[in-house]
């Protein structure tokens, strides 16, 4: 039995499960600040997470993003939402310059409040090829203690039209 296909399949499943568990433990290790108010997305990240403890994310604008005066929109894709009580959730998008000056670009809301989707916000020609985008989650309702509200958002992208 130990050398049979079923045994090898079981070993592969156990090893894969242990690897996934190790990744989860590393992501929530004491060195990672779980209560930090802001997540910073690096060029290698494709997703970031917002919840009641982390309501903002900063995404640096990289030279490869090719942001110029022709960039008309920022696209935000909300990939997943956990909001069982359907609290009203909205998002504000701002541009933060190299000098940390924050310029409000616009906002959007989830409707229904637990529905993911793609949203665009006009740039008003205010983006530069340096600086960062700031995405902030705003709850119009006050959640009760112990309630869960979390959102998974893909890396913001730029659109010409």
N, C-alpha and C. Protein backbone atom coordinates (compact mmCIF):
# COMPACT_ATOMS: atom_id res chain seq x y z
N UNK A 1 0.83 -1.21 0.00
CA UNK A 1 0.00 0.00 0.00
C UNK A 1 0.86 1.25 0.00
N UNK A 2 2.01 1.21 0.68
CA UNK A 2 2.82 2.42 0.78
C UNK A 2 3.40 2.87 -0.55
N UNK A 3 3.57 1.97 -1.46
CA UNK A 3 4.14 2.35 -2.75
C UNK A 3 3.08 2.49 -3.83
N UNK A 4 1.83 2.34 -3.48
CA UNK A 4 0.75 2.42 -4.46
C UNK A 4 0.37 3.85 -4.79
N UNK A 5 -0.42 4.06 -5.86
CA UNK A 5 -0.83 5.40 -6.28
C UNK A 5 -1.66 6.13 -5.23
N UNK A 6 -2.47 5.41 -4.48
CA UNK A 6 -3.30 6.06 -3.46
C UNK A 6 -2.42 6.67 -2.37
N UNK A 7 -1.37 5.95 -1.99
CA UNK A 7 -0.45 6.46 -0.97
C UNK A 7 0.26 7.73 -1.46
N UNK A 8 0.73 7.71 -2.69
CA UNK A 8 1.41 8.89 -3.25
C UNK A 8 0.46 10.08 -3.35
N UNK A 9 -0.78 9.83 -3.75
CA UNK A 9 -1.78 10.89 -3.83
C UNK A 9 -2.02 11.50 -2.45
N UNK A 10 -2.15 10.64 -1.42
CA UNK A 10 -2.35 11.11 -0.05
C UNK A 10 -1.16 11.95 0.41
N UNK A 11 0.05 11.51 0.10
CA UNK A 11 1.25 12.27 0.48
C UNK A 11 1.26 13.65 -0.19
N UNK A 12 0.91 13.69 -1.47
CA UNK A 12 0.87 14.98 -2.19
C UNK A 12 -0.17 15.91 -1.56
N UNK A 13 -1.33 15.38 -1.21
CA UNK A 13 -2.38 16.20 -0.59
C UNK A 13 -1.94 16.73 0.76
N UNK A 14 -1.32 15.88 1.57
CA UNK A 14 -0.86 16.32 2.89
C UNK A 14 0.24 17.37 2.77
N UNK A 15 1.17 17.15 1.86
CA UNK A 15 2.26 18.13 1.69
C UNK A 15 1.71 19.47 1.19
N UNK A 16 0.77 19.42 0.25
CA UNK A 16 0.16 20.65 -0.25
C UNK A 16 -0.58 21.39 0.84
N UNK A 17 -1.31 20.65 1.68
CA UNK A 17 -2.03 21.26 2.79
C UNK A 17 -1.08 21.90 3.79
N UNK A 18 0.02 21.22 4.09
CA UNK A 18 1.01 21.78 5.03
C UNK A 18 1.65 23.03 4.45
N UNK A 19 1.92 23.02 3.15
CA UNK A 19 2.51 24.20 2.51
C UNK A 19 1.55 25.38 2.57
N UNK A 20 0.27 25.13 2.32
CA UNK A 20 -0.73 26.21 2.38
C UNK A 20 -0.86 26.73 3.81
N UNK A 21 -0.85 25.83 4.79
CA UNK A 21 -0.94 26.24 6.18
C UNK A 21 0.28 27.06 6.59
N UNK A 22 1.46 26.65 6.14
CA UNK A 22 2.67 27.40 6.44
C UNK A 22 2.60 28.80 5.86
N UNK A 23 2.06 28.95 4.66
CA UNK A 23 1.92 30.27 4.04
C UNK A 23 0.98 31.15 4.84
N UNK A 24 -0.12 30.57 5.34
CA UNK A 24 -1.07 31.34 6.13
C UNK A 24 -0.46 31.79 7.44
N UNK A 25 0.31 30.91 8.08
CA UNK A 25 0.96 31.26 9.34
C UNK A 25 1.98 32.34 9.11
N UNK A 26 2.74 32.27 8.02
CA UNK A 26 3.74 33.29 7.74
C UNK A 26 3.09 34.64 7.49
N UNK A 27 1.93 34.64 6.83
CA UNK A 27 1.25 35.90 6.53
C UNK A 27 0.69 36.57 7.78
N UNK A 28 0.43 35.78 8.83
CA UNK A 28 -0.14 36.36 10.04
C UNK A 28 0.85 36.29 11.20
N UNK A 29 2.13 36.21 10.88
CA UNK A 29 3.15 36.11 11.92
C UNK A 29 3.25 37.43 12.69
N UNK A 30 3.86 37.40 13.91
CA UNK A 30 3.96 38.62 14.71
C UNK A 30 4.65 39.76 13.99
N UNK A 31 5.53 39.47 13.04
CA UNK A 31 6.21 40.54 12.31
C UNK A 31 5.28 41.31 11.41
N UNK A 32 4.17 40.69 10.98
CA UNK A 32 3.20 41.36 10.13
C UNK A 32 2.19 42.05 11.03
N UNK A 33 2.04 43.34 10.86
CA UNK A 33 1.14 44.10 11.71
C UNK A 33 -0.29 43.93 11.26
N UNK A 34 -1.05 43.11 11.98
CA UNK A 34 -2.43 42.83 11.60
C UNK A 34 -3.35 44.01 11.87
N UNK A 35 -2.96 44.93 12.74
CA UNK A 35 -3.83 46.05 13.09
C UNK A 35 -3.39 47.36 12.47
N UNK A 36 -2.46 47.30 11.52
CA UNK A 36 -2.01 48.52 10.87
C UNK A 36 -3.15 49.13 10.08
N UNK A 37 -3.33 50.46 10.11
CA UNK A 37 -4.46 51.06 9.44
C UNK A 37 -4.32 51.12 7.93
N UNK A 38 -3.12 50.92 7.39
CA UNK A 38 -2.90 51.06 5.96
C UNK A 38 -2.10 49.88 5.45
N UNK A 39 -2.54 49.28 4.36
CA UNK A 39 -1.77 48.27 3.65
C UNK A 39 -1.04 48.99 2.53
N UNK A 40 0.20 48.60 2.26
CA UNK A 40 0.89 49.15 1.11
C UNK A 40 1.09 48.04 0.11
N UNK A 41 0.68 48.26 -1.12
CA UNK A 41 0.76 47.25 -2.16
C UNK A 41 2.06 47.44 -2.92
N UNK A 42 2.79 46.36 -3.11
CA UNK A 42 4.01 46.43 -3.89
C UNK A 42 3.73 45.96 -5.30
N UNK A 43 4.73 46.08 -6.18
CA UNK A 43 4.52 45.74 -7.58
C UNK A 43 4.20 44.26 -7.79
N UNK A 44 4.57 43.40 -6.84
CA UNK A 44 4.33 41.98 -6.99
C UNK A 44 2.95 41.56 -6.48
N UNK A 45 2.27 42.42 -5.76
CA UNK A 45 0.95 42.07 -5.24
C UNK A 45 -0.11 42.24 -6.31
N UNK A 46 -1.06 41.32 -6.34
CA UNK A 46 -2.16 41.49 -7.27
C UNK A 46 -3.47 41.71 -6.53
N UNK A 47 -3.50 41.43 -5.22
CA UNK A 47 -4.70 41.63 -4.41
C UNK A 47 -4.33 42.35 -3.12
N UNK A 48 -5.28 43.11 -2.60
CA UNK A 48 -5.12 43.62 -1.25
C UNK A 48 -6.45 43.56 -0.54
N UNK A 49 -6.39 43.64 0.78
CA UNK A 49 -7.54 43.35 1.61
C UNK A 49 -7.85 44.52 2.53
N UNK A 50 -9.12 44.86 2.60
CA UNK A 50 -9.59 45.91 3.49
C UNK A 50 -10.60 45.29 4.46
N UNK A 51 -10.58 45.77 5.70
CA UNK A 51 -11.57 45.33 6.67
C UNK A 51 -11.78 46.44 7.69
N UNK A 52 -12.47 46.14 8.77
CA UNK A 52 -12.78 47.18 9.75
C UNK A 52 -11.54 47.73 10.45
N UNK A 53 -10.44 46.98 10.45
CA UNK A 53 -9.19 47.45 11.06
C UNK A 53 -8.24 48.08 10.06
N UNK A 54 -8.35 47.72 8.79
CA UNK A 54 -7.48 48.25 7.73
C UNK A 54 -8.38 48.81 6.65
N UNK A 55 -8.64 50.09 6.70
CA UNK A 55 -9.63 50.69 5.79
C UNK A 55 -9.01 51.42 4.60
N UNK A 56 -7.68 51.49 4.52
CA UNK A 56 -7.05 52.18 3.39
C UNK A 56 -5.90 51.36 2.84
N UNK A 57 -5.64 51.58 1.58
CA UNK A 57 -4.50 50.95 0.91
C UNK A 57 -3.84 52.01 0.04
N UNK A 58 -2.51 51.95 0.01
CA UNK A 58 -1.73 52.86 -0.84
C UNK A 58 -1.07 52.03 -1.92
N UNK A 59 -1.30 52.40 -3.17
CA UNK A 59 -0.69 51.69 -4.29
C UNK A 59 0.21 52.66 -5.05
N UNK A 60 1.53 52.49 -4.94
CA UNK A 60 2.44 53.38 -5.67
C UNK A 60 2.21 53.29 -7.18
N UNK A 61 2.38 54.41 -7.86
CA UNK A 61 2.30 54.42 -9.31
C UNK A 61 3.71 54.15 -9.83
N UNK A 62 3.85 53.07 -10.57
CA UNK A 62 5.16 52.65 -11.09
C UNK A 62 5.36 53.22 -12.50
N UNK A 63 6.62 53.42 -12.90
CA UNK A 63 6.88 53.91 -14.26
C UNK A 63 6.24 53.03 -15.33
N UNK A 64 6.17 51.72 -15.11
CA UNK A 64 5.58 50.82 -16.11
C UNK A 64 4.07 51.01 -16.25
N UNK A 65 3.45 51.73 -15.30
CA UNK A 65 2.02 52.01 -15.40
C UNK A 65 1.71 53.00 -16.52
N UNK A 66 2.74 53.71 -16.99
CA UNK A 66 2.63 54.66 -18.10
C UNK A 66 1.47 55.63 -17.92
N UNK A 67 1.44 56.26 -16.75
CA UNK A 67 0.42 57.27 -16.47
C UNK A 67 0.84 58.58 -17.12
N UNK A 68 -0.06 59.18 -17.88
CA UNK A 68 0.20 60.47 -18.49
C UNK A 68 -1.09 61.28 -18.52
N UNK A 69 -1.05 62.40 -19.16
CA UNK A 69 -2.23 63.27 -19.20
C UNK A 69 -3.41 62.62 -19.92
N UNK A 70 -3.15 61.55 -20.70
CA UNK A 70 -4.22 60.87 -21.41
C UNK A 70 -4.95 59.83 -20.57
N UNK A 71 -4.45 59.58 -19.37
CA UNK A 71 -5.10 58.61 -18.51
C UNK A 71 -6.38 59.24 -17.96
N UNK A 72 -7.51 58.69 -18.35
CA UNK A 72 -8.80 59.28 -18.00
C UNK A 72 -9.43 58.67 -16.74
N UNK A 73 -9.14 57.39 -16.47
CA UNK A 73 -9.82 56.70 -15.38
C UNK A 73 -8.88 55.80 -14.58
N UNK A 74 -9.24 55.62 -13.33
CA UNK A 74 -8.66 54.57 -12.49
C UNK A 74 -9.75 53.50 -12.38
N UNK A 75 -9.38 52.26 -12.65
CA UNK A 75 -10.34 51.17 -12.52
C UNK A 75 -10.05 50.39 -11.24
N UNK A 76 -11.08 50.18 -10.44
CA UNK A 76 -10.98 49.43 -9.20
C UNK A 76 -11.88 48.21 -9.35
N UNK A 77 -11.29 47.04 -9.17
CA UNK A 77 -12.09 45.81 -9.23
C UNK A 77 -12.20 45.22 -7.84
N UNK A 78 -13.40 45.23 -7.30
CA UNK A 78 -13.69 44.60 -6.02
C UNK A 78 -13.95 43.13 -6.35
N UNK A 79 -13.04 42.27 -5.91
CA UNK A 79 -13.11 40.85 -6.27
C UNK A 79 -14.01 40.04 -5.34
N UNK A 80 -14.05 40.41 -4.06
CA UNK A 80 -14.85 39.64 -3.10
C UNK A 80 -15.28 40.56 -1.97
N UNK A 81 -16.46 40.28 -1.42
CA UNK A 81 -17.01 41.07 -0.31
C UNK A 81 -17.59 40.13 0.74
N UNK A 82 -17.24 40.36 1.99
CA UNK A 82 -17.89 39.70 3.11
C UNK A 82 -18.60 40.79 3.90
N UNK A 83 -19.92 40.80 3.84
CA UNK A 83 -20.71 41.84 4.49
C UNK A 83 -22.10 41.26 4.76
N UNK A 84 -22.18 40.27 5.68
CA UNK A 84 -23.45 39.57 5.87
C UNK A 84 -24.61 40.47 6.30
N UNK A 85 -24.35 41.56 7.01
CA UNK A 85 -25.45 42.44 7.43
C UNK A 85 -25.70 43.56 6.44
N UNK A 86 -24.97 43.54 5.34
CA UNK A 86 -25.11 44.52 4.24
C UNK A 86 -25.04 45.97 4.71
N UNK A 87 -24.00 46.27 5.48
CA UNK A 87 -23.74 47.66 5.85
C UNK A 87 -23.41 48.44 4.59
N UNK A 88 -23.83 49.69 4.50
CA UNK A 88 -23.52 50.52 3.34
C UNK A 88 -22.02 50.76 3.27
N UNK A 89 -21.41 50.36 2.14
CA UNK A 89 -19.97 50.47 1.96
C UNK A 89 -19.70 51.32 0.73
N UNK A 90 -18.84 52.33 0.90
CA UNK A 90 -18.40 53.13 -0.24
C UNK A 90 -16.88 53.23 -0.21
N UNK A 91 -16.31 53.69 -1.32
CA UNK A 91 -14.86 53.80 -1.44
C UNK A 91 -14.51 55.16 -1.99
N UNK A 92 -13.44 55.73 -1.47
CA UNK A 92 -12.91 56.99 -1.98
C UNK A 92 -11.56 56.71 -2.62
N UNK A 93 -11.34 57.31 -3.80
CA UNK A 93 -10.08 57.17 -4.51
C UNK A 93 -9.42 58.53 -4.55
N UNK A 94 -8.16 58.58 -4.13
CA UNK A 94 -7.39 59.82 -4.14
C UNK A 94 -6.04 59.58 -4.79
N UNK A 95 -5.46 60.66 -5.29
CA UNK A 95 -4.09 60.64 -5.79
C UNK A 95 -3.23 61.32 -4.73
N UNK A 96 -2.13 60.69 -4.36
CA UNK A 96 -1.19 61.27 -3.40
C UNK A 96 0.12 61.56 -4.13
N UNK A 97 0.49 62.84 -4.17
CA UNK A 97 1.70 63.25 -4.89
C UNK A 97 2.95 62.81 -4.12
N UNK A 98 4.09 63.00 -4.76
CA UNK A 98 5.37 62.69 -4.11
C UNK A 98 5.55 63.50 -2.83
N UNK A 99 4.94 64.68 -2.78
CA UNK A 99 5.03 65.56 -1.60
C UNK A 99 3.96 65.26 -0.58
N UNK A 100 3.26 64.13 -0.73
CA UNK A 100 2.18 63.69 0.17
C UNK A 100 0.94 64.57 0.13
N UNK A 101 0.78 65.38 -0.91
CA UNK A 101 -0.45 66.15 -1.09
C UNK A 101 -1.51 65.19 -1.62
N UNK A 102 -2.66 65.13 -0.96
CA UNK A 102 -3.72 64.20 -1.34
C UNK A 102 -4.78 64.95 -2.14
N UNK A 103 -5.11 64.44 -3.32
CA UNK A 103 -6.10 65.04 -4.20
C UNK A 103 -7.24 64.02 -4.40
N UNK A 104 -8.42 64.38 -3.96
CA UNK A 104 -9.59 63.52 -4.09
C UNK A 104 -9.99 63.39 -5.55
N UNK A 105 -10.15 62.16 -6.04
CA UNK A 105 -10.57 61.93 -7.41
C UNK A 105 -12.05 61.59 -7.53
N UNK A 106 -12.55 60.77 -6.62
CA UNK A 106 -13.95 60.39 -6.70
C UNK A 106 -14.26 59.23 -5.79
N UNK A 107 -15.51 58.76 -5.86
CA UNK A 107 -15.93 57.66 -5.00
C UNK A 107 -16.91 56.77 -5.74
N UNK A 108 -17.18 55.61 -5.16
CA UNK A 108 -18.19 54.69 -5.67
C UNK A 108 -18.69 53.85 -4.51
N UNK A 109 -19.85 53.23 -4.70
CA UNK A 109 -20.46 52.41 -3.66
C UNK A 109 -20.80 51.04 -4.20
N UNK A 110 -20.80 50.07 -3.31
CA UNK A 110 -21.24 48.73 -3.66
C UNK A 110 -22.76 48.69 -3.57
N UNK A 111 -23.39 48.10 -4.59
CA UNK A 111 -24.85 47.95 -4.54
C UNK A 111 -25.23 46.66 -5.23
N UNK A 112 -25.87 45.76 -4.54
CA UNK A 112 -26.09 45.76 -3.10
C UNK A 112 -24.75 45.74 -2.36
N UNK A 113 -24.83 45.97 -1.07
CA UNK A 113 -23.63 46.21 -0.27
C UNK A 113 -22.72 45.00 -0.12
N UNK A 114 -23.11 43.87 -0.63
CA UNK A 114 -22.24 42.69 -0.58
C UNK A 114 -21.92 42.19 -1.99
N UNK A 115 -22.04 43.07 -2.98
CA UNK A 115 -21.86 42.70 -4.38
C UNK A 115 -20.53 43.22 -4.93
N UNK A 116 -19.62 42.34 -5.35
CA UNK A 116 -18.38 42.80 -5.98
C UNK A 116 -18.65 43.36 -7.37
N UNK A 117 -17.64 43.97 -7.97
CA UNK A 117 -17.79 44.50 -9.32
C UNK A 117 -16.60 45.36 -9.72
N UNK A 118 -16.65 45.87 -10.96
CA UNK A 118 -15.62 46.77 -11.48
C UNK A 118 -16.19 48.18 -11.48
N UNK A 119 -15.35 49.14 -11.07
CA UNK A 119 -15.77 50.54 -10.98
C UNK A 119 -14.67 51.41 -11.56
N UNK A 120 -15.07 52.52 -12.18
CA UNK A 120 -14.09 53.48 -12.67
C UNK A 120 -14.33 54.83 -12.01
N UNK A 121 -13.22 55.53 -11.80
CA UNK A 121 -13.24 56.87 -11.22
C UNK A 121 -12.44 57.77 -12.15
N UNK A 122 -12.99 58.91 -12.51
CA UNK A 122 -12.29 59.85 -13.40
C UNK A 122 -11.07 60.45 -12.70
N UNK A 123 -10.00 60.64 -13.47
CA UNK A 123 -8.77 61.21 -12.91
C UNK A 123 -8.74 62.73 -12.98
N UNK A 124 -9.58 63.32 -13.82
CA UNK A 124 -9.62 64.78 -14.01
C UNK A 124 -8.27 65.33 -14.44
N UNK A 125 -7.44 64.47 -15.06
CA UNK A 125 -6.11 64.89 -15.51
C UNK A 125 -5.14 65.18 -14.38
N UNK A 126 -5.41 64.70 -13.17
CA UNK A 126 -4.60 65.05 -11.99
C UNK A 126 -3.51 64.03 -11.67
N UNK A 127 -3.46 62.91 -12.40
CA UNK A 127 -2.44 61.90 -12.10
C UNK A 127 -1.11 62.27 -12.73
N UNK A 128 -0.06 61.93 -12.03
CA UNK A 128 1.31 62.08 -12.53
C UNK A 128 1.94 60.70 -12.52
N UNK A 129 3.08 60.57 -13.20
CA UNK A 129 3.75 59.27 -13.28
C UNK A 129 4.50 58.93 -11.99
N UNK A 130 4.42 59.77 -11.00
CA UNK A 130 5.01 59.49 -9.69
C UNK A 130 3.96 59.78 -8.64
N UNK A 131 4.09 59.15 -7.51
CA UNK A 131 3.08 59.32 -6.47
C UNK A 131 2.39 57.99 -6.23
N UNK A 132 1.14 58.06 -5.75
CA UNK A 132 0.42 56.84 -5.40
C UNK A 132 -1.08 57.07 -5.46
N UNK A 133 -1.81 55.97 -5.58
CA UNK A 133 -3.26 55.99 -5.44
C UNK A 133 -3.59 55.55 -4.02
N UNK A 134 -4.60 56.17 -3.44
CA UNK A 134 -5.07 55.80 -2.11
C UNK A 134 -6.53 55.39 -2.25
N UNK A 135 -6.83 54.17 -1.82
CA UNK A 135 -8.20 53.66 -1.83
C UNK A 135 -8.63 53.51 -0.37
N UNK A 136 -9.72 54.17 -0.01
CA UNK A 136 -10.21 54.13 1.37
C UNK A 136 -11.63 53.59 1.40
N UNK A 137 -11.87 52.65 2.31
CA UNK A 137 -13.21 52.09 2.50
C UNK A 137 -13.92 52.91 3.57
N UNK A 138 -15.16 53.31 3.27
CA UNK A 138 -15.95 54.12 4.19
C UNK A 138 -17.24 53.36 4.48
N UNK A 139 -17.56 53.20 5.75
CA UNK A 139 -18.83 52.58 6.14
C UNK A 139 -19.77 53.68 6.59
N UNK A 140 -20.90 53.78 5.92
CA UNK A 140 -21.88 54.79 6.27
C UNK A 140 -22.63 54.40 7.54
N UNK A 141 -22.71 53.10 7.80
CA UNK A 141 -23.35 52.58 9.01
C UNK A 141 -22.27 52.24 10.03
N UNK A 142 -22.65 52.22 11.30
CA UNK A 142 -21.70 51.83 12.34
C UNK A 142 -21.91 50.34 12.65
N UNK A 143 -20.90 49.50 12.32
CA UNK A 143 -21.05 48.07 12.58
C UNK A 143 -21.11 47.78 14.07
N UNK A 144 -21.83 46.72 14.40
CA UNK A 144 -21.89 46.27 15.78
C UNK A 144 -20.60 45.51 16.10
N UNK A 145 -20.19 45.50 17.38
CA UNK A 145 -18.99 44.75 17.75
C UNK A 145 -19.11 43.29 17.32
N UNK A 146 -18.05 42.78 16.76
CA UNK A 146 -18.03 41.39 16.32
C UNK A 146 -18.51 41.17 14.90
N UNK A 147 -19.05 42.20 14.25
CA UNK A 147 -19.50 42.05 12.87
C UNK A 147 -18.30 42.01 11.93
N UNK A 148 -18.48 41.33 10.83
CA UNK A 148 -17.40 41.20 9.84
C UNK A 148 -17.76 41.98 8.59
N UNK A 149 -16.84 42.82 8.16
CA UNK A 149 -16.93 43.49 6.87
C UNK A 149 -15.52 43.44 6.29
N UNK A 150 -15.36 42.74 5.17
CA UNK A 150 -14.05 42.69 4.54
C UNK A 150 -14.23 42.69 3.03
N UNK A 151 -13.22 43.25 2.36
CA UNK A 151 -13.28 43.41 0.91
C UNK A 151 -11.92 43.03 0.33
N UNK A 152 -11.93 42.29 -0.75
CA UNK A 152 -10.72 41.96 -1.50
C UNK A 152 -10.77 42.77 -2.79
N UNK A 153 -9.70 43.51 -3.05
CA UNK A 153 -9.64 44.38 -4.23
C UNK A 153 -8.40 44.04 -5.04
N UNK A 154 -8.58 43.95 -6.35
CA UNK A 154 -7.43 43.73 -7.23
C UNK A 154 -6.64 45.02 -7.37
N UNK A 155 -5.40 44.89 -7.82
CA UNK A 155 -4.55 46.05 -8.05
C UNK A 155 -5.27 47.02 -8.99
N UNK A 156 -5.28 48.30 -8.63
CA UNK A 156 -5.95 49.31 -9.46
C UNK A 156 -5.20 49.48 -10.78
N UNK A 157 -5.95 49.70 -11.84
CA UNK A 157 -5.36 49.87 -13.15
C UNK A 157 -5.79 51.20 -13.76
N UNK A 158 -5.17 51.56 -14.87
CA UNK A 158 -5.42 52.85 -15.51
C UNK A 158 -6.03 52.62 -16.88
N UNK A 159 -6.97 53.49 -17.25
CA UNK A 159 -7.64 53.39 -18.55
C UNK A 159 -7.58 54.72 -19.26
N UNK A 160 -7.40 54.64 -20.57
CA UNK A 160 -7.33 55.85 -21.39
C UNK A 160 -8.73 56.33 -21.77
N UNK A 161 -9.67 55.44 -21.91
CA UNK A 161 -11.04 55.84 -22.27
C UNK A 161 -12.05 54.87 -21.74
